[in-house]
PDB file of N, CA and C in Angstrom:
ATOM      1  N   MET A   1       0.829  -1.129  -0.065  1.00  0.00           N
ATOM      2  CA  MET A   1      -0.019   0.063   0.083  1.00  0.00           C
ATOM      3  C   MET A   1       0.911   1.253  -0.049  1.00  0.00           C
ATOM      4  N   ILE A   2       0.655   2.180  -0.882  1.00  0.00           N
ATOM      5  CA  ILE A   2       1.384   3.371  -0.955  1.00  0.00           C
ATOM      6  C   ILE A   2       0.951   4.305   0.175  1.00  0.00           C
ATOM      7  N   GLU A   3       1.734   4.721   1.068  1.00  0.00           N
ATOM      8  CA  GLU A   3       1.358   5.562   2.235  1.00  0.00           C
ATOM      9  C   GLU A   3       1.538   7.036   1.897  1.00  0.00           C
ATOM     10  N   ASP A   4       2.562   7.400   1.050  1.00  0.00           N
ATOM     11  CA  ASP A   4       2.822   8.717   0.675  1.00  0.00           C
ATOM     12  C   ASP A   4       3.516   8.736  -0.650  1.00  0.00           C
ATOM     13  N   LEU A   5       3.239   9.797  -1.465  1.00  0.00           N
ATOM     14  CA  LEU A   5       3.808  10.003  -2.808  1.00  0.00           C
ATOM     15  C   LEU A   5       4.287  11.510  -2.868  1.00  0.00           C
ATOM     16  N   ILE A   6       5.530  11.596  -3.195  1.00  0.00           N
ATOM     17  CA  ILE A   6       6.057  12.898  -3.242  1.00  0.00           C
ATOM     18  C   ILE A   6       6.497  13.175  -4.626  1.00  0.00           C
ATOM     19  N   ASP A   7       6.188  14.269  -5.315  1.00  0.00           N
ATOM     20  CA  ASP A   7       6.549  14.704  -6.598  1.00  0.00           C
ATOM     21  C   ASP A   7       7.945  15.362  -6.513  1.00  0.00           C
ATOM     22  N   ALA A   8       8.886  14.841  -7.302  1.00  0.00           N
ATOM     23  CA  ALA A   8      10.311  15.424  -7.198  1.00  0.00           C
ATOM     24  C   ALA A   8      10.714  15.775  -8.634  1.00  0.00           C
ATOM     25  N   GLY A   9       9.840  16.296  -9.445  1.00  0.00           N
ATOM     26  CA  GLY A   9      10.184  16.669 -10.819  1.00  0.00           C
ATOM     27  C   GLY A   9      10.142  15.451 -11.748  1.00  0.00           C
ATOM     28  N   ASP A  10      11.394  14.971 -12.139  1.00  0.00           N
ATOM     29  CA  ASP A  10      11.450  13.976 -13.052  1.00  0.00           C
ATOM     30  C   ASP A  10      11.406  12.647 -12.306  1.00  0.00           C
ATOM     31  N   SER A  11      11.197  12.618 -10.984  1.00  0.00           N
ATOM     32  CA  SER A  11      11.166  11.456 -10.144  1.00  0.00           C
ATOM     33  C   SER A  11       9.926  11.575  -9.180  1.00  0.00           C
ATOM     34  N   VAL A  12       9.508  10.436  -8.741  1.00  0.00           N
ATOM     35  CA  VAL A  12       8.531  10.331  -7.685  1.00  0.00           C
ATOM     36  C   VAL A  12       9.063   9.459  -6.569  1.00  0.00           C
ATOM     37  N   VAL A  13       8.778   9.937  -5.351  1.00  0.00           N
ATOM     38  CA  VAL A  13       9.213   9.186  -4.172  1.00  0.00           C
ATOM     39  C   VAL A  13       7.989   8.524  -3.588  1.00  0.00           C
ATOM     40  N   LEU A  14       7.983   7.169  -3.422  1.00  0.00           N
ATOM     41  CA  LEU A  14       6.847   6.514  -2.699  1.00  0.00           C
ATOM     42  C   LEU A  14       7.244   5.901  -1.506  1.00  0.00           C
ATOM     43  N   ARG A  15       6.387   6.099  -0.486  1.00  0.00           N
ATOM     44  CA  ARG A  15       6.680   5.398   0.797  1.00  0.00           C
ATOM     45  C   ARG A  15       5.686   4.287   0.787  1.00  0.00           C
ATOM     46  N   VAL A  16       6.054   3.031   1.012  1.00  0.00           N
ATOM     47  CA  VAL A  16       5.290   1.935   0.912  1.00  0.00           C
ATOM     48  C   VAL A  16       5.166   1.079   2.074  1.00  0.00           C
ATOM     49  N   ARG A  17       4.046   0.455   2.402  1.00  0.00           N
ATOM     50  CA  ARG A  17       3.960  -0.513   3.586  1.00  0.00           C
ATOM     51  C   ARG A  17       3.378  -1.777   2.880  1.00  0.00           C
ATOM     52  N   ALA A  18       4.128  -2.897   3.025  1.00  0.00           N
ATOM     53  CA  ALA A  18       3.641  -4.161   2.461  1.00  0.00           C
ATOM     54  C   ALA A  18       3.402  -5.109   3.581  1.00  0.00           C
ATOM     55  N   ARG A  19       2.323  -5.773   3.602  1.00  0.00           N
ATOM     56  CA  ARG A  19       1.982  -6.819   4.610  1.00  0.00           C
ATOM     57  C   ARG A  19       2.472  -8.126   4.087  1.00  0.00           C
ATOM     58  N   ILE A  20       3.231  -8.834   4.925  1.00  0.00           N
ATOM     59  CA  ILE A  20       3.870 -10.080   4.491  1.00  0.00           C
ATOM     60  C   ILE A  20       3.010 -11.243   5.121  1.00  0.00           C
ATOM     61  N   THR A  21       2.660 -12.249   4.210  1.00  0.00           N
ATOM     62  CA  THR A  21       1.867 -13.350   4.652  1.00  0.00           C
ATOM     63  C   THR A  21       2.523 -14.658   3.945  1.00  0.00           C
ATOM     64  N   GLY A  22       2.742 -15.640   4.680  1.00  0.00           N
ATOM     65  CA  GLY A  22       3.257 -16.940   4.034  1.00  0.00           C
ATOM     66  C   GLY A  22       2.290 -17.491   3.084  1.00  0.00           C
ATOM     67  N   GLU A  23       2.765 -17.721   1.862  1.00  0.00           N
ATOM     68  CA  GLU A  23       1.877 -18.153   0.874  1.00  0.00           C
ATOM     69  C   GLU A  23       1.218 -19.509   1.179  1.00  0.00           C
ATOM     70  N   GLN A  24       1.964 -20.485   1.623  1.00  0.00           N
ATOM     71  CA  GLN A  24       1.414 -21.731   1.990  1.00  0.00           C
ATOM     72  C   GLN A  24       0.907 -21.825   3.401  1.00  0.00           C
ATOM     73  N   SER A  25       1.562 -21.290   4.373  1.00  0.00           N
ATOM     74  CA  SER A  25       1.191 -21.372   5.848  1.00  0.00           C
ATOM     75  C   SER A  25      -0.050 -20.325   6.074  1.00  0.00           C
ATOM     76  N   GLY A  26       0.024 -19.273   5.396  1.00  0.00           N
ATOM     77  CA  GLY A  26      -0.913 -18.251   5.838  1.00  0.00           C
ATOM     78  C   GLY A  26      -0.567 -17.430   6.978  1.00  0.00           C
ATOM     79  N   LEU A  27       0.621 -17.658   7.507  1.00  0.00           N
ATOM     80  CA  LEU A  27       1.228 -16.938   8.676  1.00  0.00           C
ATOM     81  C   LEU A  27       1.472 -15.533   8.384  1.00  0.00           C
ATOM     82  N   GLU A  28       1.072 -14.589   9.210  1.00  0.00           N
ATOM     83  CA  GLU A  28       1.390 -13.174   8.934  1.00  0.00           C
ATOM     84  C   GLU A  28       2.719 -12.861   9.558  1.00  0.00           C
ATOM     85  N   GLY A  29       3.507 -12.152   8.756  1.00  0.00           N
ATOM     86  CA  GLY A  29       4.934 -11.798   9.216  1.00  0.00           C
ATOM     87  C   GLY A  29       4.961 -10.335   9.571  1.00  0.00           C
ATOM     88  N   GLY A  30       3.930  -9.638   9.479  1.00  0.00           N
ATOM     89  CA  GLY A  30       3.938  -8.301   9.802  1.00  0.00           C
ATOM     90  C   GLY A  30       4.079  -7.376   8.666  1.00  0.00           C
ATOM     91  N   ASP A  31       4.364  -6.050   8.919  1.00  0.00           N
ATOM     92  CA  ASP A  31       4.370  -5.088   7.962  1.00  0.00           C
ATOM     93  C   ASP A  31       5.918  -4.827   7.550  1.00  0.00           C
ATOM     94  N   MET A  32       6.191  -4.486   6.327  1.00  0.00           N
ATOM     95  CA  MET A  32       7.481  -4.134   5.854  1.00  0.00           C
ATOM     96  C   MET A  32       7.409  -2.721   5.319  1.00  0.00           C
ATOM     97  N   HIS A  33       8.192  -1.782   5.691  1.00  0.00           N
ATOM     98  CA  HIS A  33       8.223  -0.488   5.182  1.00  0.00           C
ATOM     99  C   HIS A  33       9.414  -0.160   4.382  1.00  0.00           C
ATOM    100  N   TYR A  34       9.266   0.485   3.227  1.00  0.00           N
ATOM    101  CA  TYR A  34      10.356   0.910   2.369  1.00  0.00           C
ATOM    102  C   TYR A  34       9.938   2.055   1.484  1.00  0.00           C
ATOM    103  N   SER A  35      10.978   2.660   0.922  1.00  0.00           N
ATOM    104  CA  SER A  35      10.663   3.769   0.002  1.00  0.00           C
ATOM    105  C   SER A  35      11.242   3.363  -1.342  1.00  0.00           C
ATOM    106  N   SER A  36      10.678   4.002  -2.323  1.00  0.00           N
ATOM    107  CA  SER A  36      11.135   3.798  -3.780  1.00  0.00           C
ATOM    108  C   SER A  36      11.193   5.153  -4.426  1.00  0.00           C
ATOM    109  N   VAL A  37      12.246   5.407  -5.379  1.00  0.00           N
ATOM    110  CA  VAL A  37      12.302   6.525  -6.189  1.00  0.00           C
ATOM    111  C   VAL A  37      12.159   6.042  -7.590  1.00  0.00           C
ATOM    112  N   VAL A  38      11.097   6.384  -8.271  1.00  0.00           N
ATOM    113  CA  VAL A  38      10.723   6.097  -9.736  1.00  0.00           C
ATOM    114  C   VAL A  38      11.109   7.288 -10.601  1.00  0.00           C
ATOM    115  N   THR A  39      12.088   7.125 -11.501  1.00  0.00           N
ATOM    116  CA  THR A  39      12.523   8.166 -12.379  1.00  0.00           C
ATOM    117  C   THR A  39      11.765   7.952 -13.602  1.00  0.00           C
ATOM    118  N   VAL A  40      11.189   9.013 -14.170  1.00  0.00           N
ATOM    119  CA  VAL A  40      10.255   8.957 -15.396  1.00  0.00           C
ATOM    120  C   VAL A  40      10.901   9.716 -16.465  1.00  0.00           C
ATOM    121  N   ARG A  41      10.853   9.205 -17.743  1.00  0.00           N
ATOM    122  CA  ARG A  41      11.328   9.924 -18.882  1.00  0.00           C
ATOM    123  C   ARG A  41      10.267   9.715 -19.934  1.00  0.00           C
ATOM    124  N   LYS A  42       9.803  10.771 -20.577  1.00  0.00           N
ATOM    125  CA  LYS A  42       8.781  10.596 -21.632  1.00  0.00           C
ATOM    126  C   LYS A  42       7.624   9.804 -21.274  1.00  0.00           C
ATOM    127  N   GLY A  43       7.124   9.979 -20.057  1.00  0.00           N
ATOM    128  CA  GLY A  43       5.900   9.207 -19.500  1.00  0.00           C
ATOM    129  C   GLY A  43       6.118   7.719 -19.126  1.00  0.00           C
ATOM    130  N   LYS A  44       7.376   7.342 -19.112  1.00  0.00           N
ATOM    131  CA  LYS A  44       7.647   5.959 -18.747  1.00  0.00           C
ATOM    132  C   LYS A  44       8.669   5.826 -17.645  1.00  0.00           C
ATOM    133  N   ALA A  45       8.462   4.867 -16.694  1.00  0.00           N
ATOM    134  CA  ALA A  45       9.394   4.624 -15.711  1.00  0.00           C
ATOM    135  C   ALA A  45      10.752   3.972 -16.282  1.00  0.00           C
ATOM    136  N   VAL A  46      11.862   4.613 -16.034  1.00  0.00           N
ATOM    137  CA  VAL A  46      13.142   4.158 -16.550  1.00  0.00           C
ATOM    138  C   VAL A  46      13.992   3.638 -15.547  1.00  0.00           C
ATOM    139  N   LEU A  47      13.801   3.905 -14.245  1.00  0.00           N
ATOM    140  CA  LEU A  47      14.539   3.464 -13.203  1.00  0.00           C
ATOM    141  C   LEU A  47      13.748   3.443 -11.993  1.00  0.00           C
ATOM    142  N   ILE A  48      13.832   2.306 -11.176  1.00  0.00           N
ATOM    143  CA  ILE A  48      13.201   2.230  -9.824  1.00  0.00           C
ATOM    144  C   ILE A  48      14.232   1.816  -8.877  1.00  0.00           C
ATOM    145  N   GLU A  49      14.435   2.610  -7.829  1.00  0.00           N
ATOM    146  CA  GLU A  49      15.461   2.354  -6.705  1.00  0.00           C
ATOM    147  C   GLU A  49      14.619   2.165  -5.576  1.00  0.00           C
ATOM    148  N   PHE A  50      15.092   1.204  -4.651  1.00  0.00           N
ATOM    149  CA  PHE A  50      14.484   0.891  -3.416  1.00  0.00           C
ATOM    150  C   PHE A  50      15.435   1.231  -2.318  1.00  0.00           C
ATOM    151  N   PHE A  51      14.796   1.732  -1.218  1.00  0.00           N
ATOM    152  CA  PHE A  51      15.501   2.175   0.083  1.00  0.00           C
ATOM    153  C   PHE A  51      14.765   1.794   1.280  1.00  0.00           C
ATOM    154  N   TRP A  52      15.591   1.281   2.290  1.00  0.00           N
ATOM    155  CA  TRP A  52      14.939   0.998   3.708  1.00  0.00           C
ATOM    156  C   TRP A  52      14.732   2.284   4.334  1.00  0.00           C
ATOM    157  N   ASP A  53      15.697   3.264   4.165  1.00  0.00           N
ATOM    158  CA  ASP A  53      15.649   4.510   4.854  1.00  0.00           C
ATOM    159  C   ASP A  53      15.007   5.445   3.957  1.00  0.00           C
ATOM    160  N   PRO A  54      13.783   5.986   4.494  1.00  0.00           N
ATOM    161  CA  PRO A  54      13.023   7.068   3.655  1.00  0.00           C
ATOM    162  C   PRO A  54      13.937   8.364   3.405  1.00  0.00           C
ATOM    163  N   GLN A  55      14.777   8.718   4.370  1.00  0.00           N
ATOM    164  CA  GLN A  55      15.596   9.868   4.151  1.00  0.00           C
ATOM    165  C   GLN A  55      16.490   9.683   2.924  1.00  0.00           C
ATOM    166  N   GLU A  56      17.118   8.498   2.877  1.00  0.00           N
ATOM    167  CA  GLU A  56      18.011   8.176   1.717  1.00  0.00           C
ATOM    168  C   GLU A  56      17.304   8.343   0.312  1.00  0.00           C
ATOM    169  N   ALA A  57      15.944   7.917   0.317  1.00  0.00           N
ATOM    170  CA  ALA A  57      15.208   7.999  -0.837  1.00  0.00           C
ATOM    171  C   ALA A  57      14.936   9.317  -1.310  1.00  0.00           C
ATOM    172  N   LEU A  58      14.690  10.314  -0.251  1.00  0.00           N
ATOM    173  CA  LEU A  58      14.483  11.729  -0.440  1.00  0.00           C
ATOM    174  C   LEU A  58      15.734  12.352  -1.106  1.00  0.00           C
ATOM    175  N   GLU A  59      16.866  12.052  -0.494  1.00  0.00           N
ATOM    176  CA  GLU A  59      18.133  12.592  -0.986  1.00  0.00           C
ATOM    177  C   GLU A  59      18.481  12.049  -2.410  1.00  0.00           C
ATOM    178  N   ALA A  60      18.106  10.818  -2.690  1.00  0.00           N
ATOM    179  CA  ALA A  60      18.379  10.251  -4.031  1.00  0.00           C
ATOM    180  C   ALA A  60      17.598  10.942  -5.039  1.00  0.00           C
ATOM    181  N   ALA A  61      16.354  11.479  -4.635  1.00  0.00           N
ATOM    182  CA  ALA A  61      15.537  12.316  -5.538  1.00  0.00           C
ATOM    183  C   ALA A  61      15.816  13.776  -5.546  1.00  0.00           C
ATOM    184  N   GLY A  62      16.837  14.142  -4.798  1.00  0.00           N
ATOM    185  CA  GLY A  62      17.242  15.494  -4.770  1.00  0.00           C
ATOM    186  C   GLY A  62      16.413  16.516  -3.784  1.00  0.00           C
ATOM    187  N   LEU A  63      15.737  15.717  -2.901  1.00  0.00           N
ATOM    188  CA  LEU A  63      15.004  16.453  -1.887  1.00  0.00           C
ATOM    189  C   LEU A  63      15.518  16.230  -0.424  1.00  0.00           C
ATOM    190  N   ARG A  64      15.115  17.101   0.379  1.00  0.00           N
ATOM    191  CA  ARG A  64      15.531  16.985   1.841  1.00  0.00           C
ATOM    192  C   ARG A  64      14.263  17.150   2.607  1.00  0.00           C
ATOM    193  N   GLU A  65      14.059  16.500   3.642  1.00  0.00           N
ATOM    194  CA  GLU A  65      12.886  16.645   4.575  1.00  0.00           C
ATOM    195  C   GLU A  65      13.312  17.102   5.892  1.00  0.00           C
TER     196      GLU A  65
END
């Protein structure tokens, strides 16, 4: 689930929460939080970077929080 979306010009910073569940066991493993920076050129995603630290994602997109 996307929790936050930040416009950074040619890039978009996404803060994501994913719920982890075992495919066969059905056991829930909790939530995983990460950030992504999606770089867009001519309307298409050309690069997707993943970060555990949301501050690092902002810095990679040229933003500071």
